[in-house]
Amino acid sequence: MKRGASGGVAKNREPRAVGKTVKASRSEMAEVVLPADTNPLGKLLGGHVMHLVDVAAAMAASRHSNSYVVTASVDSIDFRNPINVGELVILKSQVNRVFNTSMEVGVKVFSENTLTDERRHTTTAYVTFVALDEFTRRPKRVPPLIVRTGEETRRWREAGERRKVRLALCFKKRARD
């Protein structure tokens, strides 16, 4: 049994992991929009976009945490422009902020017309993931996030504001139930 500096029993604590940069989590994926994934107007289905957002965000969260991750919440997903059949859909994701066992990941989605080289920002989403221990499948501590640029600092700060709102809404909902 270990004794702490005050003579009491020291708690077993996980060592704090070495931090990782935002760049280490950045992920990008792309696919062609095929007719089977579109509505009768030839536009990519919103549900399919949401699926792709979840996959791209999970890639960034897994890269940062080096672990299995599960989706805890989606704060928002804003559809700005449609994505047409035949275009590329490109998703870029990165960890915005780390809390204890959870991370917020930002995802930007673009459409690209390969015939004209036109690229449009179509969707923005913020997704929260929880890292899981590979053996116990219980939440595990996530390495801290190292922010280096002004843009990364802004995203880190805004993620904290979104978390406050998310937790306030969660507690408000629980009080009603």
Protein backbone atom coordinates (compact mmCIF):
# COMPACT_ATOMS: atom_id res chain seq x y z
CA MET A 1 0.00 0.00 0.00
CA LYS A 2 1.39 3.38 -1.00
CA ARG A 3 1.47 6.24 1.46
CA GLY A 4 1.01 9.84 0.33
CA ALA A 5 3.04 12.80 1.59
CA SER A 6 0.51 13.40 4.38
CA GLY A 7 0.81 9.82 5.61
CA GLY A 8 -2.58 8.76 4.22
CA VAL A 9 -3.09 6.14 1.58
CA ALA A 10 -2.37 7.53 -1.88
CA LYS A 11 -5.12 7.07 -4.44
CA ASN A 12 -4.33 5.05 -7.52
CA ARG A 13 -4.46 7.61 -10.30
CA GLU A 14 -3.91 7.24 -13.99
CA PRO A 15 -0.81 9.12 -15.01
CA ARG A 16 -1.73 12.22 -17.00
CA ALA A 17 -1.02 11.50 -20.63
CA VAL A 18 1.30 13.66 -22.66
CA GLY A 19 -0.64 16.24 -24.66
CA LYS A 20 -1.25 16.03 -28.39
CA THR A 21 -1.58 18.85 -30.87
CA VAL A 22 -4.72 19.67 -32.83
CA LYS A 23 -2.80 18.76 -35.99
CA ALA A 24 -2.37 15.18 -34.72
CA SER A 25 -6.15 14.68 -34.75
CA ARG A 26 -6.92 16.24 -38.14
CA SER A 27 -8.69 13.87 -40.47
CA GLU A 28 -10.05 14.16 -43.98
CA MET A 29 -12.23 11.85 -46.01
CA ALA A 30 -13.97 12.11 -49.36
CA GLU A 31 -16.40 10.16 -51.51
CA VAL A 32 -18.37 10.59 -54.70
CA VAL A 33 -22.09 11.27 -54.33
CA LEU A 34 -23.90 8.43 -56.10
CA PRO A 35 -27.58 8.36 -57.10
CA ALA A 36 -28.46 5.76 -54.43
CA ASP A 37 -27.55 8.30 -51.70
CA THR A 38 -29.64 11.17 -53.08
CA ASN A 39 -33.23 12.35 -52.87
CA PRO A 40 -35.51 12.68 -55.94
CA LEU A 41 -33.95 16.11 -56.63
CA GLY A 42 -30.45 14.62 -56.96
CA LYS A 43 -29.22 16.10 -53.64
CA LEU A 44 -27.27 14.08 -51.05
CA LEU A 45 -29.58 12.91 -48.26
CA GLY A 46 -29.17 14.83 -44.99
CA GLY A 47 -29.10 11.57 -43.05
CA HIS A 48 -26.20 10.35 -45.17
CA VAL A 49 -24.33 13.60 -44.50
CA MET A 50 -24.93 13.09 -40.76
CA HIS A 51 -23.53 9.55 -41.00
CA LEU A 52 -20.41 10.80 -42.80
CA VAL A 53 -20.00 13.58 -40.20
CA ASP A 54 -20.11 10.99 -37.39
CA VAL A 55 -17.49 8.82 -39.13
CA ALA A 56 -15.13 11.74 -39.86
CA ALA A 57 -15.50 13.05 -36.31
CA ALA A 58 -14.84 9.60 -34.83
CA MET A 59 -11.62 9.38 -36.85
CA ALA A 60 -10.33 12.62 -35.29
CA ALA A 61 -11.41 11.60 -31.78
CA SER A 62 -9.78 8.16 -32.10
CA ARG A 63 -6.56 9.69 -33.40
CA HIS A 64 -6.36 12.08 -30.48
CA SER A 65 -7.28 9.59 -27.75
CA ASN A 66 -5.68 6.45 -29.25
CA SER A 67 -8.76 4.56 -28.16
CA TYR A 68 -12.23 3.43 -29.08
CA VAL A 69 -14.70 6.30 -28.96
CA VAL A 70 -18.47 6.59 -28.83
CA THR A 71 -20.67 9.50 -29.86
CA ALA A 72 -22.07 11.25 -26.78
CA SER A 73 -23.89 14.17 -28.40
CA VAL A 74 -24.26 16.30 -31.48
CA ASP A 75 -24.54 19.95 -30.51
CA SER A 76 -25.52 21.19 -33.91
CA ILE A 77 -25.41 20.36 -37.56
CA ASP A 78 -26.07 23.18 -39.97
CA PHE A 79 -26.81 22.49 -43.63
CA ARG A 80 -25.79 25.54 -45.68
CA ASN A 81 -25.75 24.28 -49.28
CA PRO A 82 -26.91 21.08 -50.99
CA ILE A 83 -24.49 18.52 -52.40
CA ASN A 84 -25.37 17.28 -55.88
CA VAL A 85 -25.13 13.82 -57.38
CA GLY A 86 -21.76 13.36 -59.08
CA GLU A 87 -19.96 15.86 -56.82
CA LEU A 88 -17.33 14.95 -54.25
CA VAL A 89 -18.26 15.32 -50.61
CA ILE A 90 -15.18 16.22 -48.54
CA LEU A 91 -15.16 16.14 -44.74
CA LYS A 92 -12.49 17.72 -42.54
CA SER A 93 -12.45 17.11 -38.80
CA GLN A 94 -10.30 17.98 -35.80
CA VAL A 95 -10.50 17.92 -32.02
CA ASN A 96 -11.45 21.37 -30.74
CA ARG A 97 -11.19 20.74 -27.01
CA VAL A 98 -10.57 17.96 -24.53
CA PHE A 99 -12.31 17.72 -21.18
CA ASN A 100 -11.65 14.64 -18.98
CA THR A 101 -12.94 11.62 -20.83
CA SER A 102 -14.66 13.52 -23.61
CA MET A 103 -13.66 15.63 -26.61
CA GLU A 104 -15.47 18.03 -28.89
CA VAL A 105 -14.75 17.51 -32.57
CA GLY A 106 -15.56 20.07 -35.25
CA VAL A 107 -16.43 18.90 -38.74
CA LYS A 108 -16.65 20.98 -41.92
CA VAL A 109 -18.17 19.47 -45.03
CA PHE A 110 -17.52 20.71 -48.56
CA SER A 111 -18.86 19.80 -51.97
CA GLU A 112 -16.56 19.85 -54.97
CA ASN A 113 -17.65 19.89 -58.57
CA THR A 114 -14.80 18.14 -60.37
CA LEU A 115 -15.84 19.56 -63.74
CA THR A 116 -15.62 23.22 -62.64
CA ASP A 117 -13.32 22.95 -59.57
CA GLU A 118 -15.98 24.84 -57.59
CA ARG A 119 -15.82 24.04 -53.88
CA ARG A 120 -18.58 25.08 -51.46
CA HIS A 121 -18.84 24.85 -47.67
CA THR A 122 -22.03 22.84 -47.17
CA THR A 123 -22.24 21.71 -43.56
CA THR A 124 -20.77 22.43 -40.11
CA ALA A 125 -21.18 20.15 -37.10
CA TYR A 126 -19.93 19.81 -33.51
CA VAL A 127 -19.85 16.30 -32.08
CA THR A 128 -18.81 15.15 -28.60
CA PHE A 129 -17.14 11.77 -28.11
CA VAL A 130 -16.18 9.77 -25.02
CA ALA A 131 -12.99 7.70 -25.08
CA LEU A 132 -13.32 4.10 -23.87
CA ASP A 133 -10.76 1.79 -22.30
CA GLU A 134 -10.14 -1.10 -24.68
CA PHE A 135 -10.59 -3.77 -21.97
CA THR A 136 -13.19 -2.42 -19.54
CA ARG A 137 -15.13 -0.37 -22.11
CA ARG A 138 -15.44 2.30 -19.40
CA PRO A 139 -14.67 5.98 -20.04
CA LYS A 140 -10.97 6.76 -19.85
CA ARG A 141 -8.95 9.94 -19.51
CA VAL A 142 -8.03 11.67 -22.76
CA PRO A 143 -4.64 13.30 -23.38
CA PRO A 144 -4.75 17.10 -23.10
CA LEU A 145 -5.01 19.15 -26.26
CA ILE A 146 -2.13 21.44 -27.19
CA VAL A 147 -3.36 24.54 -29.03
CA ARG A 148 -0.78 26.56 -30.94
CA THR A 149 -2.51 29.03 -33.23
CA GLY A 150 -5.02 31.81 -32.75
CA GLU A 151 -7.61 29.83 -34.72
CA GLU A 152 -7.09 26.75 -32.51
CA THR A 153 -7.40 28.93 -29.39
CA ARG A 154 -10.65 30.44 -30.68
CA ARG A 155 -12.09 26.99 -31.41
CA TRP A 156 -10.94 25.77 -27.95
CA ARG A 157 -12.68 28.71 -26.23
CA GLU A 158 -15.90 28.34 -28.24
CA ALA A 159 -16.01 24.59 -27.47
CA GLY A 160 -15.99 25.44 -23.76
CA GLU A 161 -18.93 27.80 -24.26
CA ARG A 162 -20.88 25.14 -26.17
CA ARG A 163 -20.17 22.63 -23.38
CA LYS A 164 -21.61 24.99 -20.75
CA VAL A 165 -24.81 25.32 -22.79
CA ARG A 166 -24.98 21.56 -23.43
CA LEU A 167 -24.58 20.71 -19.74
CA ALA A 168 -27.11 23.36 -18.66
CA LEU A 169 -29.68 21.94 -21.10
CA CYS A 170 -28.93 18.40 -19.93
CA PHE A 171 -29.46 19.29 -16.27
CA LYS A 172 -32.60 21.28 -17.11
CA LYS A 173 -34.02 18.28 -18.98
CA ARG A 174 -33.24 15.92 -16.09
CA ALA A 175 -34.99 18.27 -13.65
CA ARG A 176 -38.16 18.17 -15.83
CA ASP A 177 -38.16 14.36 -16.07
